[in-house]
Amino acid sequence: MTVASGIGSWPGTDIREAATIVRDLLAALDTREGESGDGGVTGLPYLPELPDRGPGGDLIGRTAALLVELPVDLQPMGWRLVDRPGRDLARTEALWREDLDVLAELYDGYDGRLKLAVAGPWTLAASLWLHRGERVVVDEGAARDVAESLAEGVRELLARVRRLIPGAELVVQFDEPSLPAVLAGSLPTASGFGRLRPVDPQLALGVLRGVVAAAGERTTVVHCCAAYPPLPLLRAVGASALSLDTTLLTPRGWEGVAVAFEDGIGLYAGCLPTIDGNAGGADVAGAILRSWDQIGIDRKGLVQLVVTPTCGLSGLTPSAAVSRQQVVIDVAQRLRERAD
């Protein structure tokens, strides 16, 4: 079944409202499969991330709050590792409790797939700061500690959600937008006048692989929305699927997608621009089909696609976010129809 989903972020500050909208758009689509002529399209709902809630509502703050025995606080430059927890961490943990309480209520009795998203270890290491005023990523030992703590935090989060929604089939998305910069050595230093040294690709691979493995047998997705994602590395991390901005992929990038697909790695195709309100389902589906045909993959493989926007929807108005998510569903249906 071709699947419609989203990346994760959503506008607004009301988690109940946002999660209800996402559920009604995507979980309901799942229940109509085979009953209303929906063309074999199913939905993958997700827990919305609401950065408009302020500190702790953002991806880095939310993920940092999952770290085990590595407390953080918020400084002008961003989230920082500290010796003991304080009010910033307490606030973020409270947001998590609220989110999971709402999730448990809205998905009571649910037995379909449900996606959770956290920052990956390298994006987290690139965004967290050491007490001495530099990014965690500059210190290999600290980066490994953060990754190990994150892996444990992911295991604990999955156990919590499992207790709350025992029938759900959980999907874990690891967001790695900063991974290309980490590998290229293009992250700025604290002063802004220099660039940090690149991280060795084998180190990056081993650390990311270890965190992905923390999800166990569950479906895992690594999301990297860069124009030039490090596809050979991403293919090797052991994830079930890769989530990419397909509007930015070069022909060589699409060739890398083909290799991954042939290796049994799924594709979350971020094909719908979030800021172009004029992009319609027919045009977006047509662009995917052209690239698909150019790389020589059988169109029957389209039934395995997960269709998403290119990135999160938090920069839109609530009504525009709903509209974009509806177009994603339309794109998924059009692709499913062309797979026959």
Protein backbone atom coordinates (compact mmCIF):
# COMPACT_ATOMS: atom_id res chain seq x y z
CA MET A 1 0.00 0.00 0.00
CA THR A 2 1.27 3.46 -0.84
CA VAL A 3 1.38 5.47 2.38
CA ALA A 4 0.71 9.13 3.19
CA SER A 5 2.46 10.67 6.20
CA GLY A 6 4.30 13.76 7.41
CA ILE A 7 7.67 14.74 8.81
CA GLY A 8 6.51 15.81 12.26
CA SER A 9 6.36 19.52 13.02
CA TRP A 10 3.01 21.31 13.04
CA PRO A 11 1.87 24.92 13.65
CA GLY A 12 0.29 26.09 16.86
CA THR A 13 0.64 25.42 20.57
CA ASP A 14 -2.28 23.06 21.30
CA ILE A 15 -1.07 19.46 21.19
CA ARG A 16 -4.58 18.04 21.52
CA GLU A 17 -5.80 20.01 18.52
CA ALA A 18 -2.76 19.18 16.39
CA ALA A 19 -2.72 15.49 17.28
CA THR A 20 -6.45 15.20 16.64
CA ILE A 21 -6.08 16.74 13.18
CA VAL A 22 -3.22 14.42 12.27
CA ARG A 23 -5.11 11.40 13.58
CA ASP A 24 -8.27 12.27 11.68
CA LEU A 25 -6.37 12.85 8.44
CA LEU A 26 -4.12 9.80 8.54
CA ALA A 27 -5.30 7.18 11.02
CA ALA A 28 -8.82 7.44 9.59
CA LEU A 29 -7.40 6.90 6.11
CA ASP A 30 -5.95 3.66 7.40
CA THR A 31 -9.37 2.42 8.51
CA ARG A 32 -10.92 3.12 5.11
CA GLU A 33 -8.49 0.83 3.31
CA GLY A 34 -10.37 -1.41 0.93
CA GLU A 35 -13.76 -0.07 1.98
CA SER A 36 -14.24 3.20 0.15
CA GLY A 37 -12.28 2.89 -3.07
CA ASP A 38 -9.33 4.88 -1.78
CA GLY A 39 -6.99 3.31 -4.30
CA GLY A 40 -5.02 1.24 -1.80
CA VAL A 41 -3.62 4.24 0.08
CA THR A 42 -3.06 4.07 3.81
CA GLY A 43 -1.98 6.64 6.38
CA LEU A 44 0.88 6.77 8.85
CA PRO A 45 -0.09 9.17 11.65
CA TYR A 46 2.56 10.78 13.82
CA LEU A 47 2.99 12.65 17.09
CA PRO A 48 3.16 16.33 16.09
CA GLU A 49 6.08 18.45 17.23
CA LEU A 50 4.98 21.99 18.12
CA PRO A 51 7.97 24.37 18.12
CA ASP A 52 5.60 27.33 18.56
CA ARG A 53 5.30 26.25 22.19
CA GLY A 54 8.73 27.72 22.73
CA PRO A 55 11.76 26.20 24.48
CA GLY A 56 11.22 22.49 24.85
CA GLY A 57 8.77 22.37 21.98
CA ASP A 58 11.64 22.28 19.48
CA LEU A 59 13.23 19.14 18.10
CA ILE A 60 16.55 19.58 19.93
CA GLY A 61 15.00 20.45 23.28
CA ARG A 62 12.51 17.57 23.07
CA THR A 63 15.21 15.09 22.20
CA ALA A 64 17.64 16.40 24.80
CA ALA A 65 14.96 15.84 27.43
CA LEU A 66 15.06 12.13 26.58
CA LEU A 67 18.75 11.81 27.44
CA VAL A 68 19.38 9.53 30.40
CA GLU A 69 21.61 10.96 33.16
CA LEU A 70 22.72 13.84 30.93
CA PRO A 71 20.68 16.89 31.99
CA VAL A 72 20.48 20.04 29.90
CA ASP A 73 19.54 23.67 30.33
CA LEU A 74 18.83 26.47 27.88
CA GLN A 75 21.40 29.19 27.19
CA PRO A 76 21.42 32.03 24.62
CA MET A 77 23.35 29.85 22.17
CA GLY A 78 21.06 26.84 22.67
CA TRP A 79 20.70 23.74 24.81
CA ARG A 80 23.72 22.89 26.96
CA LEU A 81 24.83 19.86 28.95
CA VAL A 82 24.93 20.61 32.68
CA ASP A 83 25.62 18.81 35.94
CA ARG A 84 22.09 18.84 37.33
CA PRO A 85 18.56 19.31 35.97
CA GLY A 86 16.75 22.63 36.27
CA ARG A 87 13.58 24.39 35.25
CA ASP A 88 14.24 24.25 31.49
CA LEU A 89 14.45 20.49 31.53
CA ALA A 90 11.46 20.22 33.87
CA ARG A 91 9.36 22.28 31.47
CA THR A 92 10.35 20.13 28.51
CA GLU A 93 9.63 16.93 30.40
CA ALA A 94 6.19 18.34 31.28
CA LEU A 95 5.52 18.92 27.58
CA TRP A 96 6.44 15.32 26.86
CA ARG A 97 4.05 14.09 29.57
CA GLU A 98 1.26 16.21 28.11
CA ASP A 99 1.98 14.92 24.62
CA LEU A 100 1.94 11.28 25.68
CA ASP A 101 -1.22 11.71 27.75
CA VAL A 102 -2.98 13.18 24.72
CA LEU A 103 -1.57 10.47 22.48
CA ALA A 104 -2.85 7.75 24.81
CA GLU A 105 -6.34 9.26 24.84
CA LEU A 106 -6.60 9.85 21.10
CA TYR A 107 -5.21 6.46 20.13
CA ASP A 108 -6.97 4.37 22.76
CA GLY A 109 -7.52 0.94 21.23
CA TYR A 110 -5.53 1.82 18.10
CA ASP A 111 -3.69 -1.05 16.43
CA GLY A 112 -2.11 0.63 13.40
CA ARG A 113 1.25 2.26 12.80
CA LEU A 114 2.22 5.41 14.69
CA LYS A 115 5.40 7.43 14.11
CA LEU A 116 7.54 9.17 16.72
CA ALA A 117 10.41 11.48 15.78
CA VAL A 118 13.60 12.43 17.62
CA ALA A 119 16.82 14.12 16.57
CA GLY A 120 19.53 11.74 15.47
CA PRO A 121 22.80 11.57 17.42
CA TRP A 122 24.83 13.78 15.07
CA THR A 123 22.25 16.51 14.73
CA LEU A 124 21.92 16.43 18.51
CA ALA A 125 25.71 16.56 19.01
CA ALA A 126 25.93 19.44 16.53
CA SER A 127 23.22 21.38 18.36
CA LEU A 128 24.02 20.72 22.03
CA TRP A 129 26.76 22.69 23.76
CA LEU A 130 29.40 21.69 26.26
CA HIS A 131 29.82 23.65 29.47
CA ARG A 132 33.06 25.14 28.15
CA GLY A 133 31.20 26.79 25.28
CA GLU A 134 31.71 24.55 22.27
CA ARG A 135 29.50 22.10 20.45
CA VAL A 136 29.37 18.52 21.73
CA VAL A 137 30.42 17.29 18.29
CA VAL A 138 33.98 18.63 18.80
CA ASP A 139 34.56 16.09 21.59
CA GLU A 140 34.38 12.49 20.37
CA GLY A 141 33.96 11.14 23.89
CA ALA A 142 31.13 13.55 24.65
CA ALA A 143 29.46 12.78 21.32
CA ARG A 144 29.58 9.06 22.09
CA ASP A 145 28.17 9.67 25.57
CA VAL A 146 25.28 11.67 24.12
CA ALA A 147 24.59 8.95 21.55
CA GLU A 148 24.57 6.20 24.17
CA SER A 149 22.31 8.27 26.40
CA LEU A 150 20.01 8.98 23.47
CA ALA A 151 19.80 5.28 22.64
CA GLU A 152 18.72 4.54 26.20
CA GLY A 153 16.25 7.43 26.09
CA VAL A 154 14.72 6.09 22.88
CA ARG A 155 14.28 2.68 24.47
CA GLU A 156 12.57 4.28 27.46
CA LEU A 157 10.30 6.41 25.26
CA LEU A 158 9.23 3.39 23.23
CA ALA A 159 8.49 1.46 26.41
CA ARG A 160 6.34 4.34 27.72
CA VAL A 161 4.35 4.59 24.51
CA ARG A 162 4.00 0.82 24.36
CA ARG A 163 2.40 0.82 27.81
CA LEU A 164 0.03 3.63 26.83
CA ILE A 165 -0.96 2.29 23.40
CA PRO A 166 -0.16 -1.43 23.51
CA GLY A 167 -1.68 -2.20 20.12
CA ALA A 168 0.22 0.42 18.13
CA GLU A 169 2.99 -0.56 15.74
CA LEU A 170 5.58 2.11 16.50
CA VAL A 171 7.79 3.67 13.84
CA VAL A 172 10.82 5.68 14.95
CA GLN A 173 12.17 8.54 12.84
CA PHE A 174 15.66 9.88 13.50
CA ASP A 175 16.04 13.41 12.12
CA GLU A 176 19.57 14.11 10.85
CA PRO A 177 19.46 17.45 8.99
CA SER A 178 22.92 18.38 10.32
CA LEU A 179 24.66 15.15 9.33
CA PRO A 180 26.01 16.46 5.98
CA ALA A 181 27.52 19.51 7.72
CA VAL A 182 29.06 17.28 10.40
CA LEU A 183 30.70 15.13 7.74
CA ALA A 184 31.79 18.08 5.60
CA GLY A 185 33.30 20.11 8.43
CA SER A 186 31.07 23.09 7.67
CA LEU A 187 29.63 23.67 11.14
CA PRO A 188 30.74 27.05 12.54
CA THR A 189 32.79 27.26 15.71
CA ALA A 190 31.41 29.05 18.75
CA SER A 191 33.07 32.29 17.63
CA GLY A 192 31.61 32.00 14.16
CA PHE A 193 34.99 32.73 12.57
CA GLY A 194 36.04 29.16 11.93
CA ARG A 195 34.71 25.75 11.02
CA LEU A 196 34.76 22.55 13.03
CA ARG A 197 36.77 19.60 11.82
CA PRO A 198 34.79 16.99 9.88
CA VAL A 199 33.79 13.83 11.71
CA ASP A 200 35.23 10.62 10.32
CA PRO A 201 32.54 8.83 8.27
CA GLN A 202 33.20 5.49 9.95
CA LEU A 203 32.74 7.06 13.37
CA ALA A 204 29.57 8.76 12.17
CA LEU A 205 28.26 5.48 10.77
CA GLY A 206 28.99 3.48 13.91
CA VAL A 207 27.37 6.00 16.24
CA LEU A 208 24.26 6.42 14.11
CA ARG A 209 23.93 2.69 13.61
CA GLY A 210 24.04 2.14 17.37
CA VAL A 211 21.25 4.64 18.04
CA VAL A 212 19.05 3.27 15.25
CA ALA A 213 19.52 -0.21 16.71
CA ALA A 214 18.01 1.02 19.99
CA ALA A 215 14.58 0.80 18.35
CA GLY A 216 14.95 -2.97 18.17
CA GLU A 217 12.73 -4.73 15.66
CA ARG A 218 10.55 -1.69 15.07
CA THR A 219 10.45 0.14 11.76
CA THR A 220 13.10 2.88 11.70
CA VAL A 221 13.51 5.87 9.41
CA VAL A 222 16.49 8.20 9.06
CA HIS A 223 15.43 11.61 7.79
CA CYS A 224 17.98 13.83 6.04
CA CYS A 225 16.50 16.69 4.03
CA ALA A 226 19.78 18.05 2.61
CA ALA A 227 20.40 18.57 -1.09
CA TYR A 228 23.28 16.08 -1.00
CA PRO A 229 22.47 13.45 1.63
CA PRO A 230 25.32 11.01 2.36
CA LEU A 231 23.46 8.08 0.84
CA PRO A 232 26.21 5.42 1.05
CA LEU A 233 26.49 6.05 4.79
CA LEU A 234 22.73 6.23 5.28
CA ARG A 235 22.22 2.95 3.46
CA ALA A 236 24.59 1.26 5.92
CA VAL A 237 23.04 2.39 9.22
CA GLY A 238 20.48 -0.41 9.33
CA ALA A 239 17.36 1.73 9.05
CA SER A 240 14.22 0.32 7.48
CA ALA A 241 13.79 3.42 5.32
CA LEU A 242 15.33 6.75 4.36
CA SER A 243 13.35 9.99 4.39
CA LEU A 244 14.66 12.43 1.78
CA ASP A 245 13.68 15.70 0.15
CA THR A 246 13.22 14.31 -3.34
CA THR A 247 12.78 17.78 -4.84
CA LEU A 248 16.48 18.44 -4.12
CA LEU A 249 17.89 15.13 -5.35
CA THR A 250 20.26 15.20 -8.30
CA PRO A 251 20.29 12.37 -10.87
CA ARG A 252 23.18 10.87 -8.90
CA GLY A 253 21.09 11.14 -5.75
CA TRP A 254 18.25 9.28 -7.40
CA GLU A 255 20.71 6.58 -8.43
CA GLY A 256 21.58 6.23 -4.75
CA VAL A 257 17.89 5.92 -3.96
CA ALA A 258 17.61 3.14 -6.54
CA VAL A 259 20.49 1.24 -4.91
CA ALA A 260 18.85 1.58 -1.49
CA PHE A 261 15.48 0.51 -2.85
CA GLU A 262 16.98 -2.56 -4.50
CA ASP A 263 18.62 -3.41 -1.16
CA GLY A 264 15.20 -3.44 0.50
CA ILE A 265 15.47 0.00 2.13
CA GLY A 266 12.22 1.94 1.89
CA LEU A 267 11.80 5.53 0.75
CA TYR A 268 9.89 8.29 2.46
CA ALA A 269 9.60 10.62 -0.51
CA GLY A 270 9.52 14.23 0.64
CA CYS A 271 8.05 15.45 -2.61
CA LEU A 272 5.53 18.15 -1.68
CA PRO A 273 7.06 21.61 -1.10
CA THR A 274 5.73 23.02 2.13
CA ILE A 275 5.90 26.69 1.19
CA ASP A 276 4.59 26.46 -2.37
CA GLY A 277 0.86 26.47 -1.88
CA ASN A 278 0.33 26.15 -5.63
CA ALA A 279 1.96 22.73 -5.88
CA GLY A 280 -0.85 20.31 -6.67
CA GLY A 281 -1.10 16.56 -6.46
CA ALA A 282 -0.91 15.94 -10.20
CA ASP A 283 2.30 17.95 -10.69
CA VAL A 284 4.01 16.48 -7.64
CA ALA A 285 3.08 12.91 -8.55
CA GLY A 286 4.25 13.55 -12.11
CA ALA A 287 7.68 14.69 -10.91
CA ILE A 288 8.08 11.54 -8.82
CA LEU A 289 7.02 9.34 -11.73
CA ARG A 290 9.54 10.95 -14.09
CA SER A 291 12.41 10.42 -11.66
CA TRP A 292 11.19 6.90 -10.90
CA ASP A 293 11.16 5.97 -14.57
CA GLN A 294 14.58 7.55 -15.18
CA ILE A 295 16.27 5.37 -12.57
CA GLY A 296 14.60 2.28 -14.00
CA ILE A 297 12.66 0.98 -11.01
CA ASP A 298 9.52 -0.98 -11.82
CA ARG A 299 6.45 1.12 -11.15
CA LYS A 300 5.07 -1.68 -9.02
CA GLY A 301 7.55 -0.43 -6.43
CA LEU A 302 5.45 2.70 -5.99
CA VAL A 303 3.16 0.75 -3.69
CA GLN A 304 6.04 0.69 -1.18
CA LEU A 305 6.48 4.48 -1.09
CA VAL A 306 5.67 6.68 1.87
CA VAL A 307 4.75 10.15 0.62
CA THR A 308 5.47 13.19 2.81
CA PRO A 309 6.00 16.94 2.53
CA THR A 310 9.60 18.02 1.98
CA CYS A 311 9.89 19.08 5.62
CA GLY A 312 7.78 19.90 8.65
CA LEU A 313 4.71 22.11 8.49
CA SER A 314 5.29 24.34 11.51
CA GLY A 315 5.98 27.41 9.37
CA LEU A 316 2.47 27.37 7.93
CA THR A 317 -0.89 28.42 9.28
CA PRO A 318 -2.97 25.56 10.71
CA SER A 319 -5.33 25.62 7.74
CA ALA A 320 -2.43 25.60 5.28
CA ALA A 321 -0.84 22.67 7.13
CA VAL A 322 -4.08 20.71 6.80
CA SER A 323 -4.21 21.57 3.10
CA ARG A 324 -0.63 20.41 2.53
CA GLN A 325 -1.30 17.15 4.36
CA GLN A 326 -4.39 16.59 2.21
CA VAL A 327 -2.33 17.14 -0.94
CA VAL A 328 0.12 14.51 0.32
CA ILE A 329 -2.77 12.05 0.49
CA ASP A 330 -3.76 12.99 -3.05
CA VAL A 331 -0.19 12.45 -4.29
CA ALA A 332 -0.07 9.04 -2.61
CA GLN A 333 -3.32 8.03 -4.28
CA ARG A 334 -2.13 9.18 -7.71
CA LEU A 335 1.11 7.23 -7.34
CA ARG A 336 -0.75 4.14 -6.19
CA GLU A 337 -2.98 4.31 -9.26
CA ARG A 338 0.07 4.51 -11.54
CA ALA A 339 1.67 1.48 -9.87
CA ASP A 340 -0.77 -0.95 -11.48
